[in-house]
PDB file of N, CA and C in Angstrom:
ATOM      1  N   MET A   1      12.583  35.631  10.737  1.00  0.00           N
ATOM      2  CA  MET A   1      13.542  34.860  10.371  1.00  0.00           C
ATOM      3  C   MET A   1      14.876  35.331  10.902  1.00  0.00           C
ATOM      4  N   ALA A   2      15.299  34.964  11.966  1.00  0.00           N
ATOM      5  CA  ALA A   2      16.986  35.596  12.417  1.00  0.00           C
ATOM      6  C   ALA A   2      18.100  35.459  11.671  1.00  0.00           C
ATOM      7  N   THR A   3      19.258  36.852  11.222  1.00  0.00           N
ATOM      8  CA  THR A   3      20.077  36.368  10.696  1.00  0.00           C
ATOM      9  C   THR A   3      21.727  36.009  11.475  1.00  0.00           C
ATOM     10  N   ALA A   4      22.235  35.544  11.185  1.00  0.00           N
ATOM     11  CA  ALA A   4      23.106  36.044  11.667  1.00  0.00           C
ATOM     12  C   ALA A   4      24.186  37.078  11.940  1.00  0.00           C
ATOM     13  N   PRO A   5      24.742  37.240  13.622  1.00  0.00           N
ATOM     14  CA  PRO A   5      26.120  38.570  13.428  1.00  0.00           C
ATOM     15  C   PRO A   5      26.839  38.933  12.275  1.00  0.00           C
ATOM     16  N   MET A   6      26.682  39.994  11.293  1.00  0.00           N
ATOM     17  CA  MET A   6      28.220  40.090   9.964  1.00  0.00           C
ATOM     18  C   MET A   6      28.732  40.352  11.310  1.00  0.00           C
ATOM     19  N   THR A   7      30.212  40.102  10.256  1.00  0.00           N
ATOM     20  CA  THR A   7      31.504  39.701  10.772  1.00  0.00           C
ATOM     21  C   THR A   7      32.405  41.564  10.792  1.00  0.00           C
ATOM     22  N   VAL A   8      33.141  41.226  10.944  1.00  0.00           N
ATOM     23  CA  VAL A   8      33.927  43.011  10.678  1.00  0.00           C
ATOM     24  C   VAL A   8      33.967  43.222   9.411  1.00  0.00           C
ATOM     25  N   ALA A   9      34.319  41.998   8.653  1.00  0.00           N
ATOM     26  CA  ALA A   9      35.231  42.626   7.189  1.00  0.00           C
ATOM     27  C   ALA A   9      33.365  43.483   6.428  1.00  0.00           C
ATOM     28  N   GLU A  10      32.414  42.216   7.211  1.00  0.00           N
ATOM     29  CA  GLU A  10      30.435  41.925   6.394  1.00  0.00           C
ATOM     30  C   GLU A  10      30.427  43.798   6.093  1.00  0.00           C
ATOM     31  N   GLU A  11      30.553  44.005   7.362  1.00  0.00           N
ATOM     32  CA  GLU A  11      29.898  45.363   8.265  1.00  0.00           C
ATOM     33  C   GLU A  11      31.646  46.433   7.799  1.00  0.00           C
ATOM     34  N   ALA A  12      32.275  46.119   7.771  1.00  0.00           N
ATOM     35  CA  ALA A  12      32.944  47.154   6.561  1.00  0.00           C
ATOM     36  C   ALA A  12      31.843  47.224   4.921  1.00  0.00           C
ATOM     37  N   VAL A  13      32.190  46.074   4.607  1.00  0.00           N
ATOM     38  CA  VAL A  13      31.526  46.780   2.609  1.00  0.00           C
ATOM     39  C   VAL A  13      30.619  46.618   2.964  1.00  0.00           C
ATOM     40  N   ALA A  14      29.532  46.373   3.927  1.00  0.00           N
ATOM     41  CA  ALA A  14      28.230  46.516   3.874  1.00  0.00           C
ATOM     42  C   ALA A  14      28.014  48.846   4.363  1.00  0.00           C
ATOM     43  N   SER A  15      28.391  49.413   4.637  1.00  0.00           N
ATOM     44  CA  SER A  15      28.575  50.890   5.338  1.00  0.00           C
ATOM     45  C   SER A  15      29.143  50.881   4.301  1.00  0.00           C
ATOM     46  N   VAL A  16      29.045  50.550   3.170  1.00  0.00           N
ATOM     47  CA  VAL A  16      30.049  51.564   2.218  1.00  0.00           C
ATOM     48  C   VAL A  16      28.946  51.180   0.563  1.00  0.00           C
ATOM     49  N   ALA A  17      28.387  52.046   0.364  1.00  0.00           N
ATOM     50  CA  ALA A  17      27.927  51.539  -0.558  1.00  0.00           C
ATOM     51  C   ALA A  17      28.693  51.171  -1.800  1.00  0.00           C
ATOM     52  N   VAL A  18      28.922  50.360  -2.918  1.00  0.00           N
ATOM     53  CA  VAL A  18      30.364  50.567  -3.670  1.00  0.00           C
ATOM     54  C   VAL A  18      29.226  49.619  -5.457  1.00  0.00           C
ATOM     55  N   SER A  19      29.438  50.683  -5.760  1.00  0.00           N
ATOM     56  CA  SER A  19      28.501  50.280  -7.373  1.00  0.00           C
ATOM     57  C   SER A  19      29.156  50.021  -8.761  1.00  0.00           C
ATOM     58  N   PRO A  20      29.504  48.861  -9.797  1.00  0.00           N
ATOM     59  CA  PRO A  20      29.830  48.718 -10.404  1.00  0.00           C
ATOM     60  C   PRO A  20      30.984  50.384 -10.671  1.00  0.00           C
ATOM     61  N   ALA A  21      30.160  50.946 -11.314  1.00  0.00           N
ATOM     62  CA  ALA A  21      30.238  52.017 -11.438  1.00  0.00           C
ATOM     63  C   ALA A  21      31.448  52.603 -10.733  1.00  0.00           C
ATOM     64  N   SER A  22      31.610  52.802  -9.974  1.00  0.00           N
ATOM     65  CA  SER A  22      32.588  53.777  -9.152  1.00  0.00           C
ATOM     66  C   SER A  22      33.435  53.390  -7.748  1.00  0.00           C
ATOM     67  N   ALA A  23      33.937  51.654  -8.609  1.00  0.00           N
ATOM     68  CA  ALA A  23      34.506  50.040  -7.382  1.00  0.00           C
ATOM     69  C   ALA A  23      36.038  50.901  -7.584  1.00  0.00           C
ATOM     70  N   ASN A  24      35.732  51.122  -5.813  1.00  0.00           N
ATOM     71  CA  ASN A  24      37.405  51.056  -5.416  1.00  0.00           C
ATOM     72  C   ASN A  24      38.368  50.627  -5.250  1.00  0.00           C
ATOM     73  N   PRO A  25      39.508  50.709  -5.850  1.00  0.00           N
ATOM     74  CA  PRO A  25      40.536  49.133  -5.742  1.00  0.00           C
ATOM     75  C   PRO A  25      41.009  49.630  -4.540  1.00  0.00           C
ATOM     76  N   PHE A  26      40.329  50.929  -2.844  1.00  0.00           N
ATOM     77  CA  PHE A  26      40.879  50.745  -2.308  1.00  0.00           C
ATOM     78  C   PHE A  26      39.675  49.927  -1.476  1.00  0.00           C
ATOM     79  N   LEU A  27      38.612  50.133  -1.209  1.00  0.00           N
ATOM     80  CA  LEU A  27      37.105  49.753  -1.199  1.00  0.00           C
ATOM     81  C   LEU A  27      37.507  47.829  -1.424  1.00  0.00           C
ATOM     82  N   SER A  28      38.370  47.288  -2.416  1.00  0.00           N
ATOM     83  CA  SER A  28      38.273  46.303  -2.363  1.00  0.00           C
ATOM     84  C   SER A  28      39.041  45.224  -1.894  1.00  0.00           C
ATOM     85  N   VAL A  29      40.600  46.083  -1.819  1.00  0.00           N
ATOM     86  CA  VAL A  29      41.275  45.628  -0.112  1.00  0.00           C
ATOM     87  C   VAL A  29      41.489  46.345   0.614  1.00  0.00           C
ATOM     88  N   LEU A  30      40.355  47.080   1.278  1.00  0.00           N
ATOM     89  CA  LEU A  30      39.868  46.172   2.306  1.00  0.00           C
ATOM     90  C   LEU A  30      39.100  46.273   3.186  1.00  0.00           C
ATOM     91  N   ALA A  31      38.096  45.403   2.404  1.00  0.00           N
ATOM     92  CA  ALA A  31      37.965  44.405   2.284  1.00  0.00           C
ATOM     93  C   ALA A  31      38.166  43.075   2.146  1.00  0.00           C
ATOM     94  N   HIS A  32      39.262  42.617   1.423  1.00  0.00           N
ATOM     95  CA  HIS A  32      39.866  41.551   1.448  1.00  0.00           C
ATOM     96  C   HIS A  32      40.563  41.112   2.382  1.00  0.00           C
ATOM     97  N   THR A  33      41.389  42.609   3.317  1.00  0.00           N
ATOM     98  CA  THR A  33      42.518  42.220   4.335  1.00  0.00           C
ATOM     99  C   THR A  33      41.591  42.533   5.379  1.00  0.00           C
ATOM    100  N   LEU A  34      40.328  42.496   5.773  1.00  0.00           N
ATOM    101  CA  LEU A  34      38.861  43.105   7.288  1.00  0.00           C
ATOM    102  C   LEU A  34      38.709  41.403   6.879  1.00  0.00           C
ATOM    103  N   GLU A  35      38.592  40.291   5.381  1.00  0.00           N
ATOM    104  CA  GLU A  35      38.729  39.202   5.924  1.00  0.00           C
ATOM    105  C   GLU A  35      39.700  37.921   5.096  1.00  0.00           C
ATOM    106  N   THR A  36      40.850  39.215   5.300  1.00  0.00           N
ATOM    107  CA  THR A  36      41.824  37.882   5.782  1.00  0.00           C
ATOM    108  C   THR A  36      42.887  38.285   6.679  1.00  0.00           C
ATOM    109  N   HIS A  37      43.235  39.291   7.473  1.00  0.00           N
ATOM    110  CA  HIS A  37      43.937  39.009   8.402  1.00  0.00           C
ATOM    111  C   HIS A  37      43.783  38.917   9.064  1.00  0.00           C
ATOM    112  N   VAL A  38      45.230  38.332   9.848  1.00  0.00           N
ATOM    113  CA  VAL A  38      44.736  36.672  11.232  1.00  0.00           C
ATOM    114  C   VAL A  38      44.555  37.640  13.046  1.00  0.00           C
ATOM    115  N   ARG A  39      45.128  38.972  12.704  1.00  0.00           N
ATOM    116  CA  ARG A  39      44.536  39.795  13.776  1.00  0.00           C
ATOM    117  C   ARG A  39      43.176  40.245  14.412  1.00  0.00           C
ATOM    118  N   ILE A  40      42.507  40.602  13.010  1.00  0.00           N
ATOM    119  CA  ILE A  40      41.585  40.663  13.040  1.00  0.00           C
ATOM    120  C   ILE A  40      40.015  39.640  13.140  1.00  0.00           C
ATOM    121  N   LYS A  41      40.943  38.222  12.851  1.00  0.00           N
ATOM    122  CA  LYS A  41      39.726  37.167  12.733  1.00  0.00           C
ATOM    123  C   LYS A  41      40.094  36.905  14.422  1.00  0.00           C
ATOM    124  N   ALA A  42      41.248  36.590  14.651  1.00  0.00           N
ATOM    125  CA  ALA A  42      41.547  36.617  16.080  1.00  0.00           C
ATOM    126  C   ALA A  42      40.510  37.198  16.757  1.00  0.00           C
ATOM    127  N   ALA A  43      40.977  38.447  16.959  1.00  0.00           N
ATOM    128  CA  ALA A  43      39.701  39.015  17.273  1.00  0.00           C
ATOM    129  C   ALA A  43      38.283  38.315  17.378  1.00  0.00           C
ATOM    130  N   GLU A  44      38.016  38.549  16.067  1.00  0.00           N
ATOM    131  CA  GLU A  44      36.064  37.549  15.921  1.00  0.00           C
ATOM    132  C   GLU A  44      36.493  36.726  16.713  1.00  0.00           C
ATOM    133  N   ALA A  45      37.149  35.579  16.537  1.00  0.00           N
ATOM    134  CA  ALA A  45      36.994  34.730  17.848  1.00  0.00           C
ATOM    135  C   ALA A  45      37.496  34.855  19.262  1.00  0.00           C
ATOM    136  N   ASP A  46      37.492  35.780  19.315  1.00  0.00           N
ATOM    137  CA  ASP A  46      37.396  36.230  21.149  1.00  0.00           C
ATOM    138  C   ASP A  46      37.069  36.426  21.166  1.00  0.00           C
ATOM    139  N   LEU A  47      35.513  37.769  19.805  1.00  0.00           N
ATOM    140  CA  LEU A  47      34.042  38.044  21.039  1.00  0.00           C
ATOM    141  C   LEU A  47      33.764  36.680  20.616  1.00  0.00           C
ATOM    142  N   LYS A  48      33.425  36.050  19.674  1.00  0.00           N
ATOM    143  CA  LYS A  48      32.885  34.127  20.516  1.00  0.00           C
ATOM    144  C   LYS A  48      32.941  34.169  20.729  1.00  0.00           C
ATOM    145  N   ALA A  49      33.893  33.897  21.711  1.00  0.00           N
ATOM    146  CA  ALA A  49      33.978  33.338  23.165  1.00  0.00           C
ATOM    147  C   ALA A  49      34.214  33.432  23.858  1.00  0.00           C
ATOM    148  N   GLY A  50      33.772  35.311  24.666  1.00  0.00           N
ATOM    149  CA  GLY A  50      33.195  35.742  25.450  1.00  0.00           C
ATOM    150  C   GLY A  50      31.510  36.038  25.079  1.00  0.00           C
ATOM    151  N   VAL A  51      31.191  35.682  24.362  1.00  0.00           N
ATOM    152  CA  VAL A  51      29.262  35.504  24.350  1.00  0.00           C
ATOM    153  C   VAL A  51      29.036  34.115  24.267  1.00  0.00           C
ATOM    154  N   ALA A  52      29.782  33.409  24.203  1.00  0.00           N
ATOM    155  CA  ALA A  52      29.804  31.242  24.618  1.00  0.00           C
ATOM    156  C   ALA A  52      29.641  31.383  25.978  1.00  0.00           C
ATOM    157  N   THR A  53      31.171  32.185  26.593  1.00  0.00           N
ATOM    158  CA  THR A  53      31.161  32.133  28.380  1.00  0.00           C
ATOM    159  C   THR A  53      29.498  32.602  28.908  1.00  0.00           C
ATOM    160  N   LEU A  54      29.372  33.071  28.044  1.00  0.00           N
ATOM    161  CA  LEU A  54      27.616  34.779  28.598  1.00  0.00           C
ATOM    162  C   LEU A  54      26.774  33.943  30.145  1.00  0.00           C
ATOM    163  N   GLY A  55      26.599  32.634  28.920  1.00  0.00           N
ATOM    164  CA  GLY A  55      25.819  31.833  29.647  1.00  0.00           C
ATOM    165  C   GLY A  55      25.907  31.006  30.999  1.00  0.00           C
ATOM    166  N   LYS A  56      27.662  30.048  29.748  1.00  0.00           N
ATOM    167  CA  LYS A  56      27.468  30.059  31.839  1.00  0.00           C
ATOM    168  C   LYS A  56      28.019  30.937  33.131  1.00  0.00           C
ATOM    169  N   THR A  57      28.407  31.923  32.843  1.00  0.00           N
ATOM    170  CA  THR A  57      28.934  33.292  33.863  1.00  0.00           C
ATOM    171  C   THR A  57      27.505  33.440  34.308  1.00  0.00           C
ATOM    172  N   ARG A  58      26.337  33.327  33.874  1.00  0.00           N
ATOM    173  CA  ARG A  58      24.797  33.520  33.964  1.00  0.00           C
ATOM    174  C   ARG A  58      24.188  32.693  34.757  1.00  0.00           C
ATOM    175  N   GLY A  59      24.175  31.040  34.569  1.00  0.00           N
ATOM    176  CA  GLY A  59      24.197  30.404  35.533  1.00  0.00           C
ATOM    177  C   GLY A  59      25.102  30.401  36.752  1.00  0.00           C
ATOM    178  N   GLY A  60      25.646  30.285  36.826  1.00  0.00           N
ATOM    179  CA  GLY A  60      26.373  31.014  38.287  1.00  0.00           C
ATOM    180  C   GLY A  60      25.081  31.806  38.872  1.00  0.00           C
ATOM    181  N   LEU A  61      24.331  32.517  39.078  1.00  0.00           N
ATOM    182  CA  LEU A  61      24.255  33.611  39.915  1.00  0.00           C
ATOM    183  C   LEU A  61      22.387  33.137  40.386  1.00  0.00           C
ATOM    184  N   PHE A  62      22.170  31.459  39.612  1.00  0.00           N
ATOM    185  CA  PHE A  62      21.529  30.664  40.032  1.00  0.00           C
ATOM    186  C   PHE A  62      21.706  29.913  40.987  1.00  0.00           C
ATOM    187  N   PRO A  63      20.478  29.143  41.867  1.00  0.00           N
ATOM    188  CA  PRO A  63      20.873  28.917  43.158  1.00  0.00           C
ATOM    189  C   PRO A  63      20.848  27.052  42.414  1.00  0.00           C
ATOM    190  N   THR A  64      22.058  26.843  43.173  1.00  0.00           N
ATOM    191  CA  THR A  64      22.396  25.033  43.168  1.00  0.00           C
ATOM    192  C   THR A  64      21.614  24.294  43.912  1.00  0.00           C
ATOM    193  N   LEU A  65      20.956  22.968  43.323  1.00  0.00           N
ATOM    194  CA  LEU A  65      20.440  21.803  44.554  1.00  0.00           C
ATOM    195  C   LEU A  65      21.559  20.569  44.694  1.00  0.00           C
ATOM    196  N   LYS A  66      22.220  20.188  45.605  1.00  0.00           N
ATOM    197  CA  LYS A  66      23.278  18.999  45.221  1.00  0.00           C
ATOM    198  C   LYS A  66      22.225  17.680  46.295  1.00  0.00           C
ATOM    199  N   VAL A  67      21.788  16.779  45.811  1.00  0.00           N
ATOM    200  CA  VAL A  67      21.588  15.759  46.327  1.00  0.00           C
ATOM    201  C   VAL A  67      22.004  14.408  45.899  1.00  0.00           C
ATOM    202  N   THR A  68      22.750  13.593  47.947  1.00  0.00           N
ATOM    203  CA  THR A  68      23.877  12.473  47.870  1.00  0.00           C
ATOM    204  C   THR A  68      22.602  11.729  47.771  1.00  0.00           C
ATOM    205  N   SER A  69      23.296  10.524  48.059  1.00  0.00           N
ATOM    206  CA  SER A  69      22.053   9.474  49.021  1.00  0.00           C
ATOM    207  C   SER A  69      22.835   8.202  48.663  1.00  0.00           C
ATOM    208  N   ASP A  70      23.392   6.840  49.947  1.00  0.00           N
ATOM    209  CA  ASP A  70      23.806   5.859  49.834  1.00  0.00           C
ATOM    210  C   ASP A  70      22.617   5.137  50.359  1.00  0.00           C
ATOM    211  N   ALA A  71      23.019   3.636  50.214  1.00  0.00           N
ATOM    212  CA  ALA A  71      22.100   2.591  50.959  1.00  0.00           C
ATOM    213  C   ALA A  71      23.210   1.204  50.897  1.00  0.00           C
ATOM    214  N   GLY A  72      23.362   0.417  51.979  1.00  0.00           N
ATOM    215  CA  GLY A  72      23.682  -0.590  52.311  1.00  0.00           C
ATOM    216  C   GLY A  72      23.461  -1.443  53.082  1.00  0.00           C
ATOM    217  N   ARG A  73      24.376  -2.470  54.107  1.00  0.00           N
ATOM    218  CA  ARG A  73      24.129  -2.603  55.148  1.00  0.00           C
ATOM    219  C   ARG A  73      25.618  -2.547  56.403  1.00  0.00           C
ATOM    220  N   GLN A  74      25.353  -3.080  57.202  1.00  0.00           N
ATOM    221  CA  GLN A  74      26.247  -2.524  58.139  1.00  0.00           C
ATOM    222  C   GLN A  74      26.117  -3.728  58.841  1.00  0.00           C
ATOM    223  N   ALA A  75      27.231  -4.460  58.470  1.00  0.00           N
ATOM    224  CA  ALA A  75      27.673  -5.594  60.276  1.00  0.00           C
ATOM    225  C   ALA A  75      28.052  -4.873  61.062  1.00  0.00           C
ATOM    226  N   ILE A  76      28.302  -5.042  62.372  1.00  0.00           N
ATOM    227  CA  ILE A  76      29.418  -5.299  63.239  1.00  0.00           C
ATOM    228  C   ILE A  76      28.773  -6.572  64.269  1.00  0.00           C
ATOM    229  N   ASP A  77      30.187  -6.888  64.645  1.00  0.00           N
ATOM    230  CA  ASP A  77      30.557  -7.664  65.510  1.00  0.00           C
ATOM    231  C   ASP A  77      30.817  -7.128  66.640  1.00  0.00           C
ATOM    232  N   ASN A  78      29.352  -7.878  67.538  1.00  0.00           N
ATOM    233  CA  ASN A  78      29.986  -6.338  68.965  1.00  0.00           C
ATOM    234  C   ASN A  78      30.213  -7.990  69.434  1.00  0.00           C
ATOM    235  N   PRO A  79      30.991  -7.487  70.655  1.00  0.00           N
ATOM    236  CA  PRO A  79      32.444  -8.015  71.661  1.00  0.00           C
ATOM    237  C   PRO A  79      31.561  -8.513  72.912  1.00  0.00           C
ATOM    238  N   GLY A  80      31.973  -9.739  72.840  1.00  0.00           N
ATOM    239  CA  GLY A  80      31.418 -10.745  74.566  1.00  0.00           C
ATOM    240  C   GLY A  80      30.056 -11.352  73.706  1.00  0.00           C
ATOM    241  N   GLU A  81      28.952 -11.261  75.279  1.00  0.00           N
ATOM    242  CA  GLU A  81      27.963 -11.914  74.799  1.00  0.00           C
ATOM    243  C   GLU A  81      26.551 -11.162  74.194  1.00  0.00           C
ATOM    244  N   THR A  82      27.568  -9.696  73.507  1.00  0.00           N
ATOM    245  CA  THR A  82      26.192  -8.510  73.037  1.00  0.00           C
ATOM    246  C   THR A  82      26.224  -9.516  71.916  1.00  0.00           C
ATOM    247  N   PRO A  83      24.871  -9.244  71.358  1.00  0.00           N
ATOM    248  CA  PRO A  83      24.781 -10.390  69.763  1.00  0.00           C
ATOM    249  C   PRO A  83      25.102  -9.117  69.166  1.00  0.00           C
ATOM    250  N   ASP A  84      25.860 -10.134  67.411  1.00  0.00           N
ATOM    251  CA  ASP A  84      25.817  -8.647  66.604  1.00  0.00           C
ATOM    252  C   ASP A  84      24.666  -8.363  66.521  1.00  0.00           C
ATOM    253  N   THR A  85      24.249  -7.627  65.567  1.00  0.00           N
ATOM    254  CA  THR A  85      23.554  -6.486  64.322  1.00  0.00           C
ATOM    255  C   THR A  85      24.041  -7.001  62.897  1.00  0.00           C
ATOM    256  N   ASN A  86      22.933  -6.994  61.985  1.00  0.00           N
ATOM    257  CA  ASN A  86      23.216  -6.917  60.440  1.00  0.00           C
ATOM    258  C   ASN A  86      22.619  -5.780  60.260  1.00  0.00           C
ATOM    259  N   LEU A  87      22.376  -4.784  59.701  1.00  0.00           N
ATOM    260  CA  LEU A  87      20.837  -3.958  59.298  1.00  0.00           C
ATOM    261  C   LEU A  87      21.649  -3.149  58.280  1.00  0.00           C
ATOM    262  N   PRO A  88      20.444  -2.683  57.974  1.00  0.00           N
ATOM    263  CA  PRO A  88      20.098  -1.483  56.661  1.00  0.00           C
ATOM    264  C   PRO A  88      20.867  -1.031  57.264  1.00  0.00           C
ATOM    265  N   THR A  89      21.222   0.033  55.680  1.00  0.00           N
ATOM    266  CA  THR A  89      21.647   1.348  56.642  1.00  0.00           C
ATOM    267  C   THR A  89      21.132   2.077  55.262  1.00  0.00           C
ATOM    268  N   ARG A  90      20.616   3.849  55.586  1.00  0.00           N
ATOM    269  CA  ARG A  90      20.242   4.155  54.484  1.00  0.00           C
ATOM    270  C   ARG A  90      20.332   5.444  54.757  1.00  0.00           C
ATOM    271  N   HIS A  91      21.159   6.804  54.299  1.00  0.00           N
ATOM    272  CA  HIS A  91      21.274   8.180  54.265  1.00  0.00           C
ATOM    273  C   HIS A  91      21.391   8.886  53.058  1.00  0.00           C
ATOM    274  N   ALA A  92      19.986  10.330  53.198  1.00  0.00           N
ATOM    275  CA  ALA A  92      20.398  10.844  51.762  1.00  0.00           C
ATOM    276  C   ALA A  92      20.618  12.545  53.216  1.00  0.00           C
ATOM    277  N   ASN A  93      21.339  13.175  51.113  1.00  0.00           N
ATOM    278  CA  ASN A  93      21.892  14.375  52.513  1.00  0.00           C
ATOM    279  C   ASN A  93      20.742  15.199  50.977  1.00  0.00           C
ATOM    280  N   PHE A  94      20.734  16.871  50.980  1.00  0.00           N
ATOM    281  CA  PHE A  94      19.584  17.488  50.113  1.00  0.00           C
ATOM    282  C   PHE A  94      20.739  19.123  50.622  1.00  0.00           C
ATOM    283  N   SER A  95      20.829  19.232  50.098  1.00  0.00           N
ATOM    284  CA  SER A  95      22.402  21.117  50.161  1.00  0.00           C
ATOM    285  C   SER A  95      21.573  21.975  48.985  1.00  0.00           C
ATOM    286  N   ALA A  96      20.575  23.399  49.597  1.00  0.00           N
ATOM    287  CA  ALA A  96      21.399  23.857  48.606  1.00  0.00           C
ATOM    288  C   ALA A  96      21.988  25.005  48.310  1.00  0.00           C
ATOM    289  N   SER A  97      22.234  26.214  47.232  1.00  0.00           N
ATOM    290  CA  SER A  97      23.388  26.818  47.875  1.00  0.00           C
ATOM    291  C   SER A  97      22.620  28.084  47.265  1.00  0.00           C
ATOM    292  N   GLN A  98      23.219  29.251  47.541  1.00  0.00           N
ATOM    293  CA  GLN A  98      22.823  30.274  46.503  1.00  0.00           C
ATOM    294  C   GLN A  98      23.965  31.638  47.049  1.00  0.00           C
ATOM    295  N   LEU A  99      24.264  32.108  45.429  1.00  0.00           N
ATOM    296  CA  LEU A  99      25.352  32.974  45.954  1.00  0.00           C
ATOM    297  C   LEU A  99      25.093  34.327  45.830  1.00  0.00           C
ATOM    298  N   LEU A 100      25.355  35.088  47.101  1.00  0.00           N
ATOM    299  CA  LEU A 100      24.354  35.913  47.702  1.00  0.00           C
ATOM    300  C   LEU A 100      24.970  37.678  46.543  1.00  0.00           C
ATOM    301  N   TRP A 101      26.912  37.137  46.948  1.00  0.00           N
ATOM    302  CA  TRP A 101      27.661  38.457  46.349  1.00  0.00           C
ATOM    303  C   TRP A 101      27.940  37.930  45.524  1.00  0.00           C
ATOM    304  N   ASP A 102      28.909  38.114  44.607  1.00  0.00           N
ATOM    305  CA  ASP A 102      30.399  38.269  43.665  1.00  0.00           C
ATOM    306  C   ASP A 102      31.743  39.284  44.283  1.00  0.00           C
TER     307      ASP A 102
END
């Protein structure tokens, strides 16, 4: 079973084994600061955002395939004695691209 990654505050508290007999007020203040400080929270949010965009960045390295098509009728009014035409039209386009270097 995979566990969620620890925050900076959880890592700091886990790295120092504190038993009730040797409780240190500095460590409790440090743990509280690491859990509540605005800059630390912002840094953790930046880290999570960076990890989240990794998949999108890697996706740009894979080939892309684009398929477009259209269908309809085409009516042409020819001048003079040439008969008018009314024909179906169909077009399909396929394109593939691959990023070679970045």
